[in-house]
Amino acid sequence: MRLAPFVLLAASWPAAFLPLPVSAAPAQKWVTSWTASVQGPYPTGNASAQPDLRFALPVAQTGARDQTFRLIVQPDIWGRQARLRFSNALGSQPVTFDGVFASLQMSGAAVAAGTNQPVHFAGKPVVSIPPGGSVWSDPVALSFVRNPVPVELGGRKLAVSFHVAGESGPMTWHAKALTTSYLTSPGAGAKGQSEDESAFPFTTTSWFFLDALDMQAPAGTRLIVALGDSITDGTASTLNGDDRWPNALSRRLHAVYGNSVSVVNAGIGGNQVVGPAEYSPQKPFSGGPSALERLDRDVLSLSGVTAVIWLEGINDFSNNANAPVEGVEAGMRTVAARIRSRLPGVRIIGATVTSALGSTNAAHGSEAEDRKRQTLNEFIRTSGLFDGVADFDKATADPKTGALRPEFVPDSTTGGPGDRLHPNRAGYLAMAMAVDLKLL
């Protein structure tokens, strides 16, 4: 008797909404939908528009203390199930998380009513991660995501809340989020279950501990990883504007391919291809470990990678590093070989390095640096190492001066004069438009 109402209701549904037989369900796989390459320990790194954190995080060595983070991230694709990766890669002691939740952000630190879902690890609501380690959560159902994914979810953001039990010690982080996230006061306890914002008085423009988000997606979904330095990380783009060049490229791809492609950002401000020679939590570097050193964690460990767009080299030629061009070219060959050996069939797109000529940044701007940059760009264009080239240099350079085009210089985030090293929103848009989608 209980079946009769269901049978009558199902008979009235449009065919497109009838449940599929198990045998007809499309194959699914995990695809990374967001990532933030870690570079800590906090505060080592190059944050942008960071508020004063002395009240939220008073002692860097102590880190977080019995408090809850609510990090805001933008998935590039959505699925009905998600999983989260937490990292203690650069910590010096175990860190314990509980009270972990994932929800749809409403506005600020408030989340949409009824969307806050608990997250578990091996069936438990608590997890401890040793120094140098990371852990994936169990799959968590996102009840607000329908299938097919509604277009209205495009651009919406996920709020990931987690409580640091006790003291975290030195914190693994990504400095330049250019996205506002939220923290409770130290000692406030576990507040992730709360849907309102009253427990989260403090803000940060960085991401802590969380470094990847996967979504269940159709088996044919492609993942494009943007590997790079601050020009991929988005310096001088708009705070909360999501207008880094990978964001703009993502929007181009979604307009053509819908939810069948994901673009994620593996940039770190100050990153180099081959330097620094040594990196550890005890001897950190503001630009994080080199591309050579971080490749496994930040690219090869991601789910569903089909293409990599790689833009780096300018920091290797800075006044501080002054690496030889031949060394950077050799590093690129090594990285490309490792990617291809681990991910057969992956496409690697080399991006030409944009100009820093005349930069007001003390580490950049010399003619000697620019000569090295041009030599590296010729290698990227002609060596045959890459499956294609994204000519960002051509898209952004002023043909009269060789520097950035004047309209690409003023800073979008702070409204300042810019540094002639980092393109602004207009420059990043020009870079994204320069990518031939057929290469991907």
Protein backbone atom coordinates (compact mmCIF):
# COMPACT_ATOMS: atom_id res chain seq x y z
CA MET A 1 0.00 0.00 0.00
CA ARG A 2 2.86 2.38 0.67
CA LEU A 3 4.13 2.01 -2.90
CA ALA A 4 0.97 3.35 -4.54
CA PRO A 5 1.61 7.09 -3.94
CA PHE A 6 5.16 6.77 -5.29
CA VAL A 7 3.98 4.93 -8.42
CA LEU A 8 1.38 7.59 -9.15
CA LEU A 9 3.87 10.43 -8.57
CA ALA A 10 6.58 8.83 -10.68
CA ALA A 11 4.15 8.31 -13.50
CA SER A 12 3.53 12.04 -13.61
CA TRP A 13 7.23 13.04 -13.78
CA PRO A 14 8.78 14.12 -17.09
CA ALA A 15 10.91 11.32 -18.49
CA ALA A 16 14.11 13.35 -17.99
CA PHE A 17 13.61 13.26 -14.20
CA LEU A 18 12.84 9.57 -13.80
CA PRO A 19 15.53 7.66 -11.84
CA LEU A 20 17.82 5.69 -14.11
CA PRO A 21 18.31 1.95 -13.72
CA VAL A 22 21.64 1.16 -12.08
CA SER A 23 22.97 -0.33 -15.31
CA ALA A 24 22.23 2.93 -17.16
CA ALA A 25 23.95 5.24 -14.66
CA PRO A 26 26.86 7.03 -16.37
CA ALA A 27 30.39 6.16 -15.23
CA GLN A 28 31.81 8.62 -12.71
CA LYS A 29 35.28 9.53 -11.48
CA TRP A 30 36.89 11.98 -9.09
CA VAL A 31 37.99 15.23 -10.73
CA THR A 32 39.76 18.01 -8.86
CA SER A 33 37.55 21.10 -8.85
CA TRP A 34 39.67 23.49 -6.78
CA THR A 35 43.19 23.52 -5.42
CA ALA A 36 45.57 25.81 -3.54
CA SER A 37 49.26 24.92 -3.64
CA VAL A 38 50.61 25.08 -0.09
CA GLN A 39 53.76 27.05 0.65
CA GLY A 40 53.88 27.69 4.41
CA PRO A 41 54.53 27.62 7.22
CA TYR A 42 52.51 30.77 7.94
CA PRO A 43 53.42 33.63 7.64
CA THR A 44 56.08 32.78 5.03
CA GLY A 45 54.69 33.82 1.67
CA ASN A 46 53.25 36.67 -0.35
CA ALA A 47 49.69 37.43 0.71
CA SER A 48 47.65 40.14 -1.05
CA ALA A 49 45.27 42.54 0.72
CA GLN A 50 45.71 40.62 3.97
CA PRO A 51 43.91 42.11 6.99
CA ASP A 52 45.67 42.40 10.35
CA LEU A 53 45.67 38.88 11.82
CA ARG A 54 47.23 39.62 15.20
CA PHE A 55 43.92 39.10 17.03
CA ALA A 56 42.89 35.96 15.13
CA LEU A 57 46.34 34.34 15.00
CA PRO A 58 48.45 36.09 17.64
CA VAL A 59 51.48 33.75 17.63
CA ALA A 60 52.69 32.19 14.39
CA GLN A 61 54.53 29.33 16.11
CA THR A 62 51.44 28.45 18.13
CA GLY A 63 49.23 28.74 15.06
CA ALA A 64 45.52 28.24 15.48
CA ARG A 65 44.23 27.45 19.00
CA ASP A 66 40.87 25.78 19.60
CA GLN A 67 39.28 27.81 16.83
CA THR A 68 37.29 27.32 13.66
CA PHE A 69 38.14 28.34 10.11
CA ARG A 70 35.47 28.88 7.48
CA LEU A 71 37.32 28.89 4.17
CA ILE A 72 35.57 30.08 1.03
CA VAL A 73 36.53 28.34 -2.23
CA GLN A 74 35.05 28.35 -5.72
CA PRO A 75 34.67 24.87 -7.26
CA ASP A 76 35.23 25.00 -10.99
CA ILE A 77 32.74 22.19 -11.48
CA TRP A 78 30.08 20.80 -9.14
CA GLY A 79 29.06 17.23 -8.41
CA ARG A 80 26.64 15.50 -6.08
CA GLN A 81 29.54 14.15 -4.02
CA ALA A 82 32.73 15.90 -2.94
CA ARG A 83 35.84 15.06 -0.98
CA LEU A 84 38.36 17.38 0.68
CA ARG A 85 42.13 17.15 1.13
CA PHE A 86 43.70 18.62 4.23
CA SER A 87 47.46 19.16 4.43
CA ASN A 88 50.01 19.41 7.21
CA ALA A 89 52.81 19.27 4.64
CA LEU A 90 54.80 22.07 6.25
CA GLY A 91 53.83 21.59 9.88
CA SER A 92 56.21 20.50 12.63
CA GLN A 93 53.69 18.70 14.86
CA PRO A 94 50.48 16.69 14.37
CA VAL A 95 47.37 18.77 13.79
CA THR A 96 43.87 17.55 14.70
CA PHE A 97 40.66 18.64 12.97
CA ASP A 98 37.08 17.93 14.01
CA GLY A 99 33.76 19.65 13.43
CA VAL A 100 34.36 19.66 9.67
CA PHE A 101 31.47 20.80 7.46
CA ALA A 102 30.91 21.67 3.80
CA SER A 103 28.09 23.98 2.72
CA LEU A 104 26.98 26.44 0.08
CA GLN A 105 28.10 29.96 0.95
CA MET A 106 25.24 32.44 1.15
CA SER A 107 27.18 35.67 1.77
CA GLY A 108 30.13 36.54 3.96
CA ALA A 109 30.58 33.86 6.62
CA ALA A 110 26.90 32.84 6.50
CA VAL A 111 25.95 29.63 4.70
CA ALA A 112 22.73 28.71 2.92
CA ALA A 113 20.19 27.17 5.28
CA GLY A 114 20.00 23.39 5.12
CA THR A 115 23.18 22.89 3.07
CA ASN A 116 25.72 22.37 5.87
CA GLN A 117 26.90 18.75 5.68
CA PRO A 118 29.25 17.01 8.16
CA VAL A 119 32.51 15.64 6.79
CA HIS A 120 34.13 12.43 8.06
CA PHE A 121 37.48 10.69 7.72
CA ALA A 122 37.48 6.88 7.57
CA GLY A 123 34.01 7.07 9.11
CA LYS A 124 35.05 9.30 12.00
CA PRO A 125 34.35 13.01 12.62
CA VAL A 126 37.94 13.69 13.70
CA VAL A 127 41.33 13.28 12.02
CA SER A 128 44.94 13.86 13.08
CA ILE A 129 47.51 14.53 10.39
CA PRO A 130 51.22 14.02 11.12
CA PRO A 131 53.86 16.55 10.06
CA GLY A 132 54.46 16.29 6.33
CA GLY A 133 51.19 14.43 5.76
CA SER A 134 47.86 15.00 4.09
CA VAL A 135 44.52 13.18 4.14
CA TRP A 136 41.41 12.94 1.97
CA SER A 137 38.01 13.00 3.59
CA ASP A 138 35.30 10.45 2.96
CA PRO A 139 32.85 11.39 0.19
CA VAL A 140 30.28 13.92 1.37
CA ALA A 141 26.90 14.28 -0.32
CA LEU A 142 26.07 17.82 -1.42
CA SER A 143 22.30 17.72 -1.09
CA PHE A 144 21.81 21.03 -2.88
CA VAL A 145 23.44 19.79 -6.11
CA ARG A 146 21.02 18.23 -8.58
CA ASN A 147 21.81 16.13 -11.62
CA PRO A 148 22.29 17.52 -14.19
CA VAL A 149 24.06 20.34 -12.39
CA PRO A 150 21.99 23.53 -12.67
CA VAL A 151 23.65 26.45 -14.40
CA GLU A 152 22.86 28.60 -11.35
CA LEU A 153 25.65 26.87 -9.39
CA GLY A 154 28.29 28.18 -11.77
CA GLY A 155 30.43 30.69 -9.88
CA ARG A 156 28.87 29.87 -6.49
CA LYS A 157 31.23 29.15 -3.62
CA LEU A 158 31.65 26.37 -1.10
CA ALA A 159 32.23 27.12 2.58
CA VAL A 160 34.50 24.58 4.26
CA SER A 161 34.50 24.84 8.04
CA PHE A 162 36.84 22.97 10.39
CA HIS A 163 37.86 23.19 14.03
CA VAL A 164 41.51 23.02 15.11
CA ALA A 165 41.52 21.00 18.31
CA GLY A 166 44.18 22.28 20.69
CA GLU A 167 47.10 24.10 19.08
CA SER A 168 48.05 23.49 15.46
CA GLY A 169 51.65 24.63 15.65
CA PRO A 170 53.13 26.12 12.45
CA MET A 171 50.37 26.24 9.84
CA THR A 172 50.52 24.96 6.29
CA TRP A 173 48.90 27.60 4.10
CA HIS A 174 48.48 29.24 0.71
CA ALA A 175 49.17 32.94 1.13
CA LYS A 176 47.60 34.60 -1.91
CA ALA A 177 44.00 33.40 -1.95
CA LEU A 178 42.62 36.79 -3.09
CA THR A 179 39.39 35.45 -1.58
CA THR A 180 37.98 36.44 1.80
CA SER A 181 37.62 33.63 4.35
CA TYR A 182 36.67 33.72 8.02
CA LEU A 183 37.94 32.71 11.48
CA THR A 184 36.63 32.56 15.00
CA SER A 185 38.54 33.95 17.95
CA PRO A 186 41.19 31.69 19.53
CA GLY A 187 39.57 29.48 22.14
CA ALA A 188 36.09 29.80 20.62
CA GLY A 189 35.77 26.06 20.03
CA ALA A 190 33.99 24.15 17.26
CA LYS A 191 31.57 26.41 15.38
CA GLY A 192 31.43 24.76 11.95
CA GLN A 193 27.86 23.55 12.43
CA SER A 194 26.58 27.13 12.75
CA GLU A 195 24.87 28.52 9.65
CA ASP A 196 25.14 32.17 10.65
CA GLU A 197 28.21 34.40 10.81
CA SER A 198 28.12 35.52 14.44
CA ALA A 199 30.95 33.21 15.51
CA PHE A 200 33.32 34.39 12.73
CA PRO A 201 34.44 37.98 13.41
CA PHE A 202 37.86 37.79 11.71
CA THR A 203 38.78 37.64 8.04
CA THR A 204 41.78 36.47 6.02
CA THR A 205 42.68 36.54 2.35
CA SER A 206 44.62 33.27 2.60
CA TRP A 207 43.72 29.58 2.74
CA PHE A 208 44.96 27.38 5.60
CA PHE A 209 45.38 23.58 5.67
CA LEU A 210 42.83 22.85 2.93
CA ASP A 211 44.61 22.29 -0.39
CA ALA A 212 42.29 20.36 -2.76
CA LEU A 213 38.64 19.65 -3.46
CA ASP A 214 37.39 16.83 -5.71
CA MET A 215 33.93 16.37 -7.21
CA GLN A 216 32.35 13.23 -8.63
CA ALA A 217 31.95 13.93 -12.34
CA PRO A 218 31.26 12.02 -15.56
CA ALA A 219 34.17 9.84 -16.64
CA GLY A 220 34.90 12.01 -19.68
CA THR A 221 35.49 15.17 -17.65
CA ARG A 222 38.85 16.83 -18.30
CA LEU A 223 41.08 18.63 -15.80
CA ILE A 224 43.42 21.47 -16.80
CA VAL A 225 46.03 22.52 -14.23
CA ALA A 226 47.55 26.02 -14.39
CA LEU A 227 51.04 25.66 -12.92
CA GLY A 228 52.90 28.86 -12.20
CA ASP A 229 54.03 31.74 -10.03
CA SER A 230 52.35 34.97 -8.88
CA ILE A 231 51.11 35.79 -12.39
CA THR A 232 49.08 32.56 -12.27
CA ASP A 233 48.28 33.04 -8.57
CA GLY A 234 46.68 36.36 -9.52
CA THR A 235 48.73 39.18 -7.99
CA ALA A 236 47.18 42.56 -8.94
CA SER A 237 43.87 40.98 -9.95
CA THR A 238 40.71 41.89 -8.06
CA LEU A 239 40.12 40.74 -4.49
CA ASN A 240 37.09 38.40 -4.60
CA GLY A 241 36.79 39.16 -8.32
CA ASP A 242 37.91 35.73 -9.58
CA ASP A 243 39.66 37.32 -12.54
CA ARG A 244 43.04 35.62 -12.57
CA TRP A 245 43.85 34.31 -16.06
CA PRO A 246 42.90 30.70 -15.12
CA ASN A 247 39.48 31.98 -13.97
CA ALA A 248 38.90 33.78 -17.26
CA LEU A 249 40.10 30.74 -19.21
CA SER A 250 37.71 28.57 -17.22
CA ARG A 251 34.77 30.75 -18.17
CA ARG A 252 35.72 30.50 -21.85
CA LEU A 253 35.89 26.72 -21.62
CA HIS A 254 32.61 26.38 -19.72
CA ALA A 255 30.86 28.49 -22.34
CA VAL A 256 31.86 25.89 -24.94
CA TYR A 257 32.01 22.62 -22.99
CA GLY A 258 29.78 23.18 -19.99
CA ASN A 259 30.53 21.13 -16.87
CA SER A 260 32.76 18.66 -18.73
CA VAL A 261 36.01 20.52 -18.03
CA SER A 262 37.60 21.80 -14.83
CA VAL A 263 40.40 24.36 -14.50
CA VAL A 264 42.38 24.63 -11.26
CA ASN A 265 45.11 27.02 -10.15
CA ALA A 266 48.45 25.64 -8.91
CA GLY A 267 50.20 29.02 -8.78
CA ILE A 268 52.37 30.24 -5.91
CA GLY A 269 53.54 33.84 -5.70
CA GLY A 270 57.32 33.99 -6.05
CA ASN A 271 57.66 30.41 -7.30
CA GLN A 272 60.61 29.32 -9.44
CA VAL A 273 61.29 26.48 -11.85
CA VAL A 274 64.55 25.35 -10.22
CA GLY A 275 65.04 27.39 -7.07
CA PRO A 276 65.50 27.55 -4.18
CA ALA A 277 68.11 24.81 -3.93
CA GLU A 278 66.83 23.89 -0.46
CA TYR A 279 63.35 24.15 1.01
CA SER A 280 61.99 22.83 4.31
CA PRO A 281 59.65 23.94 7.11
CA GLN A 282 62.78 24.91 9.03
CA LYS A 283 64.19 26.81 6.05
CA PRO A 284 61.16 28.14 4.17
CA PHE A 285 61.16 30.42 1.14
CA SER A 286 58.44 32.95 0.37
CA GLY A 287 57.89 31.50 -3.11
CA GLY A 288 57.48 27.96 -1.84
CA PRO A 289 59.39 24.91 -3.05
CA SER A 290 60.46 24.89 -6.70
CA ALA A 291 58.25 23.51 -9.44
CA LEU A 292 60.59 20.52 -9.56
CA GLU A 293 60.10 19.84 -5.85
CA ARG A 294 56.34 20.45 -5.60
CA LEU A 295 55.28 18.75 -8.83
CA ASP A 296 54.07 15.50 -7.27
CA ARG A 297 51.95 17.20 -4.61
CA ASP A 298 50.57 20.08 -6.63
CA VAL A 299 50.00 18.49 -10.05
CA LEU A 300 50.54 14.74 -10.26
CA SER A 301 48.47 13.90 -7.17
CA LEU A 302 45.39 15.73 -8.48
CA SER A 303 42.48 13.73 -9.84
CA GLY A 304 41.81 13.47 -13.57
CA VAL A 305 44.61 15.65 -15.00
CA THR A 306 44.48 15.84 -18.81
CA ALA A 307 46.45 19.04 -19.51
CA VAL A 308 48.94 21.37 -17.81
CA ILE A 309 49.54 25.01 -18.78
CA TRP A 310 52.89 26.07 -17.34
CA LEU A 311 53.91 29.72 -16.89
CA GLU A 312 57.14 30.22 -14.93
CA GLY A 313 60.68 31.49 -15.23
CA ILE A 314 60.68 35.21 -14.41
CA ASN A 315 61.51 34.60 -10.74
CA ASP A 316 64.43 32.36 -11.69
CA PHE A 317 65.91 35.39 -13.51
CA SER A 318 65.29 37.91 -10.73
CA ASN A 319 68.12 39.83 -9.08
CA ASN A 320 67.80 37.49 -6.09
CA ALA A 321 68.03 34.19 -7.99
CA ASN A 322 69.86 35.03 -11.24
CA ALA A 323 69.68 31.45 -12.55
CA PRO A 324 71.23 30.67 -15.95
CA VAL A 325 68.80 30.19 -18.81
CA GLU A 326 70.25 26.76 -19.51
CA GLY A 327 69.45 25.65 -15.97
CA VAL A 328 65.82 26.75 -16.27
CA GLU A 329 65.48 25.03 -19.65
CA ALA A 330 66.91 21.82 -18.15
CA GLY A 331 64.46 22.10 -15.25
CA MET A 332 61.58 22.44 -17.70
CA ARG A 333 62.71 19.34 -19.57
CA THR A 334 62.88 17.38 -16.31
CA VAL A 335 59.41 18.49 -15.18
CA ALA A 336 57.85 17.75 -18.58
CA ALA A 337 59.41 14.28 -18.64
CA ARG A 338 58.11 13.49 -15.15
CA ILE A 339 54.59 14.63 -16.04
CA ARG A 340 54.52 12.51 -19.18
CA SER A 341 55.91 9.44 -17.44
CA ARG A 342 53.24 9.59 -14.74
CA LEU A 343 50.32 10.80 -16.87
CA PRO A 344 50.53 9.22 -20.33
CA GLY A 345 48.58 11.19 -22.89
CA VAL A 346 48.60 14.44 -20.90
CA ARG A 347 49.05 17.64 -22.91
CA ILE A 348 51.65 20.14 -21.67
CA ILE A 349 51.21 23.69 -22.90
CA GLY A 350 54.18 26.03 -22.48
CA ALA A 351 53.28 29.65 -21.75
CA THR A 352 55.68 32.39 -22.75
CA VAL A 353 56.87 34.57 -19.87
CA THR A 354 55.44 38.07 -19.67
CA SER A 355 57.63 41.15 -19.45
CA ALA A 356 58.95 42.67 -16.23
CA LEU A 357 61.00 45.32 -18.00
CA GLY A 358 61.14 48.54 -15.98
CA SER A 359 59.37 47.00 -12.98
CA THR A 360 59.30 48.94 -9.73
CA ASN A 361 59.75 45.63 -7.89
CA ALA A 362 63.30 45.68 -6.54
CA ALA A 363 63.96 42.10 -7.64
CA HIS A 364 62.91 42.64 -11.25
CA GLY A 365 62.98 45.01 -14.19
CA SER A 366 66.55 44.92 -15.50
CA GLU A 367 67.52 44.59 -19.16
CA ALA A 368 69.67 41.57 -18.26
CA GLU A 369 66.63 39.81 -16.82
CA ASP A 370 64.64 40.66 -19.93
CA ARG A 371 67.28 39.20 -22.24
CA LYS A 372 67.09 35.92 -20.31
CA ARG A 373 63.30 36.01 -20.48
CA GLN A 374 63.34 36.45 -24.24
CA THR A 375 65.81 33.58 -24.64
CA LEU A 376 63.58 31.32 -22.54
CA ASN A 377 60.54 32.35 -24.56
CA GLU A 378 62.30 31.35 -27.77
CA PHE A 379 62.99 27.96 -26.18
CA ILE A 380 59.31 27.61 -25.19
CA ARG A 381 58.15 28.50 -28.69
CA THR A 382 60.62 26.43 -30.75
CA SER A 383 62.15 23.58 -28.71
CA GLY A 384 59.35 21.08 -29.37
CA LEU A 385 59.22 20.27 -25.67
CA PHE A 386 55.58 21.35 -25.39
CA ASP A 387 52.42 20.12 -27.10
CA GLY A 388 51.42 23.71 -27.77
CA VAL A 389 52.24 27.29 -26.79
CA ALA A 390 50.14 29.96 -25.09
CA ASP A 391 51.88 33.17 -26.15
CA PHE A 392 51.16 35.33 -23.12
CA ASP A 393 54.15 37.55 -23.92
CA LYS A 394 52.72 38.50 -27.30
CA ALA A 395 49.29 39.12 -25.74
CA THR A 396 50.57 41.54 -23.09
CA ALA A 397 53.72 43.24 -24.40
CA ASP A 398 53.83 46.79 -25.73
CA PRO A 399 55.51 46.42 -29.15
CA LYS A 400 57.09 49.88 -28.78
CA THR A 401 58.79 49.36 -25.42
CA GLY A 402 58.87 45.61 -24.74
CA ALA A 403 57.26 46.25 -21.32
CA LEU A 404 53.69 45.48 -20.32
CA ARG A 405 51.09 47.45 -22.24
CA PRO A 406 50.23 50.60 -20.24
CA GLU A 407 46.58 49.60 -19.82
CA PHE A 408 47.66 46.33 -18.16
CA VAL A 409 49.75 48.00 -15.43
CA PRO A 410 47.46 49.69 -12.83
CA ASP A 411 46.74 47.38 -9.90
CA SER A 412 43.17 46.04 -9.78
CA THR A 413 43.20 44.86 -6.15
CA THR A 414 44.37 47.98 -4.34
CA GLY A 415 43.88 50.60 -7.03
CA GLY A 416 47.55 51.55 -6.91
CA PRO A 417 49.89 52.31 -9.81
CA GLY A 418 50.93 48.69 -10.38
CA ASP A 419 54.48 47.34 -10.51
CA ARG A 420 54.99 46.69 -14.27
CA LEU A 421 55.51 43.01 -13.40
CA HIS A 422 52.02 41.72 -12.62
CA PRO A 423 49.23 42.31 -15.17
CA ASN A 424 45.95 43.67 -13.88
CA ARG A 425 42.49 42.30 -14.60
CA ALA A 426 42.59 43.56 -18.18
CA GLY A 427 45.98 41.92 -18.71
CA TYR A 428 44.86 38.60 -17.25
CA LEU A 429 41.80 38.65 -19.49
CA ALA A 430 44.03 39.21 -22.53
CA MET A 431 46.16 36.24 -21.46
CA ALA A 432 43.13 33.97 -21.12
CA MET A 433 41.85 35.03 -24.53
CA ALA A 434 45.24 34.16 -26.06
CA VAL A 435 44.88 30.44 -25.28
CA ASP A 436 43.81 28.36 -28.27
CA LEU A 437 41.11 26.11 -26.78
CA LYS A 438 41.87 23.44 -29.39
CA LEU A 439 45.23 22.88 -27.68
CA LEU A 440 43.39 21.56 -24.63
